Amino acid sequence: MELFQNDDAGYLTWIERHADGYIVNLNTLGKNHSMIHTSRCGHLYEPEPTRTHTIAYGKACPQDRQELIAWAQANGHTLTECSSCEPQ
C-alpha cells in the first residue's frame, strides 16, 4: 500500500507500474466518502501536466483487493465502488 498526498509525480509513477492495481480516492468529507477505482479508471487516470491528482484528495494505492480491504478496515474507511470502472 502506498499513500500519496501532494505527490502527483509519485502517484502517476505508481499508476504506470501497477496497471492492475486499485486506487482509493480519499475524500476530504471524511472516511465514509472514500471511493475505490481501478488504476485505469478514467475518473482518475489522466496524466495531464495541468491537472493535479493528489492535492485536493489523497490517494491510497494497494496492489490487490485484499490489501485494500484490510487497509480500509484498519483505518475506519467505508468504501464505495466507482460505478464507471466497477473495481471488483
PDB file of N, CA and C in Angstrom:
ATOM      1  N   MET A   1       0.851  -1.176   0.000  1.00  0.00           N
ATOM      2  CA  MET A   1       0.000   0.000   0.000  1.00  0.00           C
ATOM      3  C   MET A   1       0.890   1.231   0.000  1.00  0.00           C
ATOM      4  N   GLU A   2       0.604   2.122  -0.922  1.00  0.00           N
ATOM      5  CA  GLU A   2       1.305   3.399  -0.930  1.00  0.00           C
ATOM      6  C   GLU A   2       0.278   4.512  -0.801  1.00  0.00           C
ATOM      7  N   LEU A   3       0.627   5.535  -0.044  1.00  0.00           N
ATOM      8  CA  LEU A   3      -0.243   6.693   0.143  1.00  0.00           C
ATOM      9  C   LEU A   3       0.391   7.903  -0.525  1.00  0.00           C
ATOM     10  N   PHE A   4      -0.429   8.676  -1.224  1.00  0.00           N
ATOM     11  CA  PHE A   4       0.063   9.854  -1.926  1.00  0.00           C
ATOM     12  C   PHE A   4      -0.762  11.069  -1.529  1.00  0.00           C
ATOM     13  N   GLN A   5      -0.106  12.102  -1.060  1.00  0.00           N
ATOM     14  CA  GLN A   5      -0.719  13.393  -0.754  1.00  0.00           C
ATOM     15  C   GLN A   5       0.263  14.455  -1.206  1.00  0.00           C
ATOM     16  N   ASN A   6      -0.167  15.341  -2.066  1.00  0.00           N
ATOM     17  CA  ASN A   6       0.707  16.374  -2.624  1.00  0.00           C
ATOM     18  C   ASN A   6       1.930  15.763  -3.318  1.00  0.00           C
ATOM     19  N   ASP A   7       1.737  14.652  -4.013  1.00  0.00           N
ATOM     20  CA  ASP A   7       2.823  13.953  -4.710  1.00  0.00           C
ATOM     21  C   ASP A   7       2.300  13.388  -6.028  1.00  0.00           C
ATOM     22  N   ASP A   8       1.975  14.267  -6.959  1.00  0.00           N
ATOM     23  CA  ASP A   8       1.442  13.823  -8.245  1.00  0.00           C
ATOM     24  C   ASP A   8       2.437  12.972  -9.019  1.00  0.00           C
ATOM     25  N   ALA A   9       3.714  13.335  -8.994  1.00  0.00           N
ATOM     26  CA  ALA A   9       4.723  12.576  -9.735  1.00  0.00           C
ATOM     27  C   ALA A   9       4.800  11.135  -9.223  1.00  0.00           C
ATOM     28  N   GLY A  10       4.823  10.967  -7.904  1.00  0.00           N
ATOM     29  CA  GLY A  10       4.858   9.624  -7.327  1.00  0.00           C
ATOM     30  C   GLY A  10       3.608   8.829  -7.649  1.00  0.00           C
ATOM     31  N   TYR A  11       2.476   9.488  -7.584  1.00  0.00           N
ATOM     32  CA  TYR A  11       1.191   8.846  -7.889  1.00  0.00           C
ATOM     33  C   TYR A  11       1.142   8.378  -9.343  1.00  0.00           C
ATOM     34  N   LEU A  12       1.516   9.227 -10.286  1.00  0.00           N
ATOM     35  CA  LEU A  12       1.482   8.849 -11.698  1.00  0.00           C
ATOM     36  C   LEU A  12       2.489   7.748 -12.005  1.00  0.00           C
ATOM     37  N   THR A  13       3.630   7.759 -11.326  1.00  0.00           N
ATOM     38  CA  THR A  13       4.599   6.675 -11.489  1.00  0.00           C
ATOM     39  C   THR A  13       4.019   5.366 -10.987  1.00  0.00           C
ATOM     40  N   TRP A  14       3.323   5.409  -9.840  1.00  0.00           N
ATOM     41  CA  TRP A  14       2.705   4.199  -9.296  1.00  0.00           C
ATOM     42  C   TRP A  14       1.683   3.637 -10.283  1.00  0.00           C
ATOM     43  N   ILE A  15       0.849   4.501 -10.860  1.00  0.00           N
ATOM     44  CA  ILE A  15      -0.160   4.051 -11.827  1.00  0.00           C
ATOM     45  C   ILE A  15       0.506   3.361 -13.015  1.00  0.00           C
ATOM     46  N   GLU A  16       1.567   3.939 -13.530  1.00  0.00           N
ATOM     47  CA  GLU A  16       2.246   3.350 -14.688  1.00  0.00           C
ATOM     48  C   GLU A  16       2.806   1.971 -14.365  1.00  0.00           C
ATOM     49  N   ARG A  17       3.194   1.747 -13.129  1.00  0.00           N
ATOM     50  CA  ARG A  17       3.793   0.463 -12.734  1.00  0.00           C
ATOM     51  C   ARG A  17       2.773  -0.565 -12.247  1.00  0.00           C
ATOM     52  N   HIS A  18       1.534  -0.132 -12.016  1.00  0.00           N
ATOM     53  CA  HIS A  18       0.522  -1.020 -11.445  1.00  0.00           C
ATOM     54  C   HIS A  18      -0.786  -0.925 -12.221  1.00  0.00           C
ATOM     55  N   ALA A  19      -0.759  -1.351 -13.459  1.00  0.00           N
ATOM     56  CA  ALA A  19      -1.937  -1.254 -14.330  1.00  0.00           C
ATOM     57  C   ALA A  19      -3.127  -2.052 -13.804  1.00  0.00           C
ATOM     58  N   ASP A  20      -2.864  -3.037 -12.974  1.00  0.00           N
ATOM     59  CA  ASP A  20      -3.954  -3.861 -12.443  1.00  0.00           C
ATOM     60  C   ASP A  20      -4.223  -3.582 -10.965  1.00  0.00           C
ATOM     61  N   GLY A  21      -3.754  -2.447 -10.468  1.00  0.00           N
ATOM     62  CA  GLY A  21      -3.945  -2.091  -9.065  1.00  0.00           C
ATOM     63  C   GLY A  21      -5.248  -1.358  -8.820  1.00  0.00           C
ATOM     64  N   TYR A  22      -5.380  -0.843  -7.620  1.00  0.00           N
ATOM     65  CA  TYR A  22      -6.572  -0.113  -7.189  1.00  0.00           C
ATOM     66  C   TYR A  22      -6.162   1.243  -6.629  1.00  0.00           C
ATOM     67  N   ILE A  23      -7.122   2.153  -6.630  1.00  0.00           N
ATOM     68  CA  ILE A  23      -6.898   3.478  -6.053  1.00  0.00           C
ATOM     69  C   ILE A  23      -8.092   3.816  -5.185  1.00  0.00           C
ATOM     70  N   VAL A  24      -7.818   4.256  -3.973  1.00  0.00           N
ATOM     71  CA  VAL A  24      -8.877   4.773  -3.118  1.00  0.00           C
ATOM     72  C   VAL A  24      -8.716   6.284  -3.103  1.00  0.00           C
ATOM     73  N   ASN A  25      -9.727   6.967  -3.596  1.00  0.00           N
ATOM     74  CA  ASN A  25      -9.737   8.421  -3.582  1.00  0.00           C
ATOM     75  C   ASN A  25     -10.201   8.850  -2.201  1.00  0.00           C
ATOM     76  N   LEU A  26      -9.322   9.446  -1.429  1.00  0.00           N
ATOM     77  CA  LEU A  26      -9.610   9.811  -0.049  1.00  0.00           C
ATOM     78  C   LEU A  26     -10.287  11.170  -0.005  1.00  0.00           C
ATOM     79  N   ASN A  27     -11.567  11.156   0.212  1.00  0.00           N
ATOM     80  CA  ASN A  27     -12.383  12.359   0.170  1.00  0.00           C
ATOM     81  C   ASN A  27     -12.167  13.208   1.411  1.00  0.00           C
ATOM     82  N   THR A  28     -12.121  14.507   1.221  1.00  0.00           N
ATOM     83  CA  THR A  28     -11.937  15.422   2.345  1.00  0.00           C
ATOM     84  C   THR A  28     -13.175  15.498   3.231  1.00  0.00           C
ATOM     85  N   LEU A  29     -14.308  14.930   2.778  1.00  0.00           N
ATOM     86  CA  LEU A  29     -15.523  14.919   3.593  1.00  0.00           C
ATOM     87  C   LEU A  29     -15.442  13.881   4.711  1.00  0.00           C
ATOM     88  N   GLY A  30     -14.495  12.972   4.619  1.00  0.00           N
ATOM     89  CA  GLY A  30     -14.311  12.002   5.689  1.00  0.00           C
ATOM     90  C   GLY A  30     -14.208  10.576   5.202  1.00  0.00           C
ATOM     91  N   LYS A  31     -14.019   9.682   6.143  1.00  0.00           N
ATOM     92  CA  LYS A  31     -13.769   8.273   5.849  1.00  0.00           C
ATOM     93  C   LYS A  31     -14.983   7.536   5.301  1.00  0.00           C
ATOM     94  N   ASN A  32     -16.158   8.114   5.400  1.00  0.00           N
ATOM     95  CA  ASN A  32     -17.351   7.472   4.855  1.00  0.00           C
ATOM     96  C   ASN A  32     -17.579   7.827   3.399  1.00  0.00           C
ATOM     97  N   HIS A  33     -16.668   8.576   2.811  1.00  0.00           N
ATOM     98  CA  HIS A  33     -16.824   9.012   1.423  1.00  0.00           C
ATOM     99  C   HIS A  33     -15.636   8.597   0.558  1.00  0.00           C
ATOM    100  N   SER A  34     -14.953   7.540   0.914  1.00  0.00           N
ATOM    101  CA  SER A  34     -13.791   7.081   0.160  1.00  0.00           C
ATOM    102  C   SER A  34     -14.257   6.183  -0.978  1.00  0.00           C
ATOM    103  N   MET A  35     -13.781   6.467  -2.195  1.00  0.00           N
ATOM    104  CA  MET A  35     -14.223   5.699  -3.357  1.00  0.00           C
ATOM    105  C   MET A  35     -13.067   4.898  -3.925  1.00  0.00           C
ATOM    106  N   ILE A  36     -13.372   3.636  -4.267  1.00  0.00           N
ATOM    107  CA  ILE A  36     -12.375   2.747  -4.851  1.00  0.00           C
ATOM    108  C   ILE A  36     -12.546   2.720  -6.369  1.00  0.00           C
ATOM    109  N   HIS A  37     -11.392   2.783  -7.047  1.00  0.00           N
ATOM    110  CA  HIS A  37     -11.332   2.745  -8.506  1.00  0.00           C
ATOM    111  C   HIS A  37     -10.265   1.742  -8.924  1.00  0.00           C
ATOM    112  N   THR A  38     -10.328   1.297 -10.177  1.00  0.00           N
ATOM    113  CA  THR A  38      -9.193   0.571 -10.740  1.00  0.00           C
ATOM    114  C   THR A  38      -8.141   1.615 -11.092  1.00  0.00           C
ATOM    115  N   SER A  39      -6.911   1.191 -11.250  1.00  0.00           N
ATOM    116  CA  SER A  39      -5.852   2.161 -11.527  1.00  0.00           C
ATOM    117  C   SER A  39      -5.954   2.755 -12.934  1.00  0.00           C
ATOM    118  N   ARG A  40      -6.806   2.232 -13.760  1.00  0.00           N
ATOM    119  CA  ARG A  40      -7.005   2.780 -15.111  1.00  0.00           C
ATOM    120  C   ARG A  40      -8.352   3.478 -15.281  1.00  0.00           C
ATOM    121  N   CYS A  41      -9.031   3.747 -14.188  1.00  0.00           N
ATOM    122  CA  CYS A  41     -10.328   4.420 -14.253  1.00  0.00           C
ATOM    123  C   CYS A  41     -10.169   5.802 -14.885  1.00  0.00           C
ATOM    124  N   GLY A  42     -11.042   6.110 -15.812  1.00  0.00           N
ATOM    125  CA  GLY A  42     -10.999   7.396 -16.488  1.00  0.00           C
ATOM    126  C   GLY A  42     -11.220   8.581 -15.574  1.00  0.00           C
ATOM    127  N   HIS A  43     -11.830   8.348 -14.402  1.00  0.00           N
ATOM    128  CA  HIS A  43     -12.017   9.444 -13.452  1.00  0.00           C
ATOM    129  C   HIS A  43     -10.704   9.895 -12.821  1.00  0.00           C
ATOM    130  N   LEU A  44      -9.737   8.986 -12.744  1.00  0.00           N
ATOM    131  CA  LEU A  44      -8.500   9.294 -12.034  1.00  0.00           C
ATOM    132  C   LEU A  44      -7.254   9.242 -12.894  1.00  0.00           C
ATOM    133  N   TYR A  45      -7.288   8.500 -13.974  1.00  0.00           N
ATOM    134  CA  TYR A  45      -6.080   8.298 -14.777  1.00  0.00           C
ATOM    135  C   TYR A  45      -6.070   9.251 -15.973  1.00  0.00           C
ATOM    136  N   GLU A  46      -5.572  10.435 -15.757  1.00  0.00           N
ATOM    137  CA  GLU A  46      -5.406  11.427 -16.811  1.00  0.00           C
ATOM    138  C   GLU A  46      -4.080  12.137 -16.566  1.00  0.00           C
ATOM    139  N   PRO A  47      -2.994  11.570 -17.082  1.00  0.00           N
ATOM    140  CA  PRO A  47      -1.678  12.168 -16.803  1.00  0.00           C
ATOM    141  C   PRO A  47      -1.429  13.457 -17.576  1.00  0.00           C
ATOM    142  N   GLU A  48      -2.268  14.444 -17.352  1.00  0.00           N
ATOM    143  CA  GLU A  48      -2.101  15.746 -17.989  1.00  0.00           C
ATOM    144  C   GLU A  48      -1.272  16.644 -17.070  1.00  0.00           C
ATOM    145  N   PRO A  49      -0.340  17.367 -17.633  1.00  0.00           N
ATOM    146  CA  PRO A  49       0.533  18.195 -16.791  1.00  0.00           C
ATOM    147  C   PRO A  49      -0.193  19.318 -16.057  1.00  0.00           C
ATOM    148  N   THR A  50      -1.363  19.729 -16.534  1.00  0.00           N
ATOM    149  CA  THR A  50      -2.076  20.828 -15.884  1.00  0.00           C
ATOM    150  C   THR A  50      -3.056  20.352 -14.821  1.00  0.00           C
ATOM    151  N   ARG A  51      -3.265  19.064 -14.719  1.00  0.00           N
ATOM    152  CA  ARG A  51      -4.215  18.528 -13.746  1.00  0.00           C
ATOM    153  C   ARG A  51      -3.482  18.049 -12.500  1.00  0.00           C
ATOM    154  N   THR A  52      -4.022  18.380 -11.331  1.00  0.00           N
ATOM    155  CA  THR A  52      -3.448  17.850 -10.097  1.00  0.00           C
ATOM    156  C   THR A  52      -4.235  16.609  -9.692  1.00  0.00           C
ATOM    157  N   HIS A  53      -3.565  15.693  -9.037  1.00  0.00           N
ATOM    158  CA  HIS A  53      -4.176  14.413  -8.679  1.00  0.00           C
ATOM    159  C   HIS A  53      -4.226  14.173  -7.180  1.00  0.00           C
ATOM    160  N   THR A  54      -3.260  14.678  -6.457  1.00  0.00           N
ATOM    161  CA  THR A  54      -3.155  14.340  -5.031  1.00  0.00           C
ATOM    162  C   THR A  54      -3.181  15.571  -4.134  1.00  0.00           C
ATOM    163  N   ILE A  55      -3.636  16.688  -4.643  1.00  0.00           N
ATOM    164  CA  ILE A  55      -3.687  17.910  -3.840  1.00  0.00           C
ATOM    165  C   ILE A  55      -4.988  17.960  -3.036  1.00  0.00           C
ATOM    166  N   ALA A  56      -6.121  17.950  -3.721  1.00  0.00           N
ATOM    167  CA  ALA A  56      -7.414  18.027  -3.036  1.00  0.00           C
ATOM    168  C   ALA A  56      -7.781  16.705  -2.364  1.00  0.00           C
ATOM    169  N   TYR A  57      -7.441  15.607  -3.014  1.00  0.00           N
ATOM    170  CA  TYR A  57      -7.762  14.278  -2.498  1.00  0.00           C
ATOM    171  C   TYR A  57      -6.494  13.453  -2.437  1.00  0.00           C
ATOM    172  N   GLY A  58      -6.215  12.887  -1.284  1.00  0.00           N
ATOM    173  CA  GLY A  58      -5.107  11.945  -1.186  1.00  0.00           C
ATOM    174  C   GLY A  58      -5.494  10.649  -1.881  1.00  0.00           C
ATOM    175  N   LYS A  59      -4.515   9.814  -2.128  1.00  0.00           N
ATOM    176  CA  LYS A  59      -4.754   8.530  -2.775  1.00  0.00           C
ATOM    177  C   LYS A  59      -4.079   7.428  -1.968  1.00  0.00           C
ATOM    178  N   ALA A  60      -4.830   6.366  -1.726  1.00  0.00           N
ATOM    179  CA  ALA A  60      -4.273   5.139  -1.163  1.00  0.00           C
ATOM    180  C   ALA A  60      -4.238   4.140  -2.304  1.00  0.00           C
ATOM    181  N   CYS A  61      -3.081   3.568  -2.557  1.00  0.00           N
ATOM    182  CA  CYS A  61      -2.913   2.718  -3.737  1.00  0.00           C
ATOM    183  C   CYS A  61      -2.391   1.337  -3.368  1.00  0.00           C
ATOM    184  N   PRO A  62      -3.289   0.373  -3.239  1.00  0.00           N
ATOM    185  CA  PRO A  62      -2.875  -1.001  -2.990  1.00  0.00           C
ATOM    186  C   PRO A  62      -2.713  -1.752  -4.305  1.00  0.00           C
ATOM    187  N   GLN A  63      -1.892  -2.772  -4.293  1.00  0.00           N
ATOM    188  CA  GLN A  63      -1.719  -3.607  -5.475  1.00  0.00           C
ATOM    189  C   GLN A  63      -2.888  -4.566  -5.658  1.00  0.00           C
ATOM    190  N   ASP A  64      -3.432  -5.074  -4.556  1.00  0.00           N
ATOM    191  CA  ASP A  64      -4.520  -6.042  -4.708  1.00  0.00           C
ATOM    192  C   ASP A  64      -5.695  -5.717  -3.792  1.00  0.00           C
ATOM    193  N   ARG A  65      -6.814  -6.328  -4.090  1.00  0.00           N
ATOM    194  CA  ARG A  65      -8.066  -6.036  -3.397  1.00  0.00           C
ATOM    195  C   ARG A  65      -8.029  -6.421  -1.920  1.00  0.00           C
ATOM    196  N   GLN A  66      -7.402  -7.521  -1.578  1.00  0.00           N
ATOM    197  CA  GLN A  66      -7.332  -7.946  -0.179  1.00  0.00           C
ATOM    198  C   GLN A  66      -6.552  -6.949   0.661  1.00  0.00           C
ATOM    199  N   GLU A  67      -5.480  -6.426   0.114  1.00  0.00           N
ATOM    200  CA  GLU A  67      -4.703  -5.400   0.806  1.00  0.00           C
ATOM    201  C   GLU A  67      -5.570  -4.157   1.014  1.00  0.00           C
ATOM    202  N   LEU A  68      -6.354  -3.824   0.021  1.00  0.00           N
ATOM    203  CA  LEU A  68      -7.254  -2.678   0.098  1.00  0.00           C
ATOM    204  C   LEU A  68      -8.281  -2.849   1.205  1.00  0.00           C
ATOM    205  N   ILE A  69      -8.918  -3.994   1.250  1.00  0.00           N
ATOM    206  CA  ILE A  69      -9.947  -4.260   2.260  1.00  0.00           C
ATOM    207  C   ILE A  69      -9.339  -4.217   3.659  1.00  0.00           C
ATOM    208  N   ALA A  70      -8.188  -4.838   3.836  1.00  0.00           N
ATOM    209  CA  ALA A  70      -7.523  -4.844   5.146  1.00  0.00           C
ATOM    210  C   ALA A  70      -7.161  -3.417   5.565  1.00  0.00           C
ATOM    211  N   TRP A  71      -6.641  -2.614   4.639  1.00  0.00           N
ATOM    212  CA  TRP A  71      -6.277  -1.236   4.951  1.00  0.00           C
ATOM    213  C   TRP A  71      -7.514  -0.420   5.335  1.00  0.00           C
ATOM    214  N   ALA A  72      -8.594  -0.557   4.573  1.00  0.00           N
ATOM    215  CA  ALA A  72      -9.822   0.198   4.852  1.00  0.00           C
ATOM    216  C   ALA A  72     -10.373  -0.152   6.230  1.00  0.00           C
ATOM    217  N   GLN A  73     -10.406  -1.427   6.551  1.00  0.00           N
ATOM    218  CA  GLN A  73     -10.912  -1.855   7.863  1.00  0.00           C
ATOM    219  C   GLN A  73     -10.020  -1.327   8.985  1.00  0.00           C
ATOM    220  N   ALA A  74      -8.718  -1.416   8.814  1.00  0.00           N
ATOM    221  CA  ALA A  74      -7.784  -0.974   9.851  1.00  0.00           C
ATOM    222  C   ALA A  74      -7.827   0.535  10.066  1.00  0.00           C
ATOM    223  N   ASN A  75      -8.231   1.272   9.032  1.00  0.00           N
ATOM    224  CA  ASN A  75      -8.223   2.732   9.119  1.00  0.00           C
ATOM    225  C   ASN A  75      -9.610   3.349   9.169  1.00  0.00           C
ATOM    226  N   GLY A  76     -10.645   2.522   9.326  1.00  0.00           N
ATOM    227  CA  GLY A  76     -12.007   3.021   9.512  1.00  0.00           C
ATOM    228  C   GLY A  76     -12.669   3.614   8.284  1.00  0.00           C
ATOM    229  N   HIS A  77     -12.231   3.227   7.097  1.00  0.00           N
ATOM    230  CA  HIS A  77     -12.821   3.750   5.866  1.00  0.00           C
ATOM    231  C   HIS A  77     -13.980   2.873   5.397  1.00  0.00           C
ATOM    232  N   THR A  78     -15.069   3.510   5.016  1.00  0.00           N
ATOM    233  CA  THR A  78     -16.173   2.847   4.339  1.00  0.00           C
ATOM    234  C   THR A  78     -15.977   3.119   2.862  1.00  0.00           C
ATOM    235  N   LEU A  79     -15.876   2.061   2.063  1.00  0.00           N
ATOM    236  CA  LEU A  79     -15.568   2.222   0.656  1.00  0.00           C
ATOM    237  C   LEU A  79     -16.810   2.126  -0.216  1.00  0.00           C
ATOM    238  N   THR A  80     -16.873   2.998  -1.200  1.00  0.00           N
ATOM    239  CA  THR A  80     -17.895   2.954  -2.230  1.00  0.00           C
ATOM    240  C   THR A  80     -17.177   2.640  -3.531  1.00  0.00           C
ATOM    241  N   GLU A  81     -17.744   1.747  -4.336  1.00  0.00           N
ATOM    242  CA  GLU A  81     -17.101   1.392  -5.599  1.00  0.00           C
ATOM    243  C   GLU A  81     -17.543   2.328  -6.715  1.00  0.00           C
ATOM    244  N   CYS A  82     -16.628   2.707  -7.562  1.00  0.00           N
ATOM    245  CA  CYS A  82     -16.918   3.554  -8.712  1.00  0.00           C
ATOM    246  C   CYS A  82     -17.845   2.789  -9.661  1.00  0.00           C
ATOM    247  N   SER A  83     -18.911   3.430 -10.081  1.00  0.00           N
ATOM    248  CA  SER A  83     -19.859   2.767 -10.981  1.00  0.00           C
ATOM    249  C   SER A  83     -19.354   2.746 -12.423  1.00  0.00           C
ATOM    250  N   SER A  84     -18.334   3.505 -12.732  1.00  0.00           N
ATOM    251  CA  SER A  84     -17.789   3.511 -14.094  1.00  0.00           C
ATOM    252  C   SER A  84     -16.799   2.373 -14.334  1.00  0.00           C
ATOM    253  N   CYS A  85     -15.850   2.192 -13.436  1.00  0.00           N
ATOM    254  CA  CYS A  85     -14.814   1.161 -13.656  1.00  0.00           C
ATOM    255  C   CYS A  85     -15.133  -0.143 -12.940  1.00  0.00           C
ATOM    256  N   GLU A  86     -16.096  -0.145 -12.035  1.00  0.00           N
ATOM    257  CA  GLU A  86     -16.550  -1.339 -11.312  1.00  0.00           C
ATOM    258  C   GLU A  86     -15.384  -2.206 -10.814  1.00  0.00           C
ATOM    259  N   PRO A  87     -14.650  -1.734  -9.825  1.00  0.00           N
ATOM    260  CA  PRO A  87     -13.451  -2.438  -9.329  1.00  0.00           C
ATOM    261  C   PRO A  87     -13.772  -3.665  -8.474  1.00  0.00           C
ATOM    262  N   GLN A  88     -14.117  -4.740  -9.130  1.00  0.00           N
ATOM    263  CA  GLN A  88     -14.500  -5.945  -8.381  1.00  0.00           C
ATOM    264  C   GLN A  88     -13.475  -7.031  -8.479  1.00  0.00           C
TER     265      GLN A  88
END
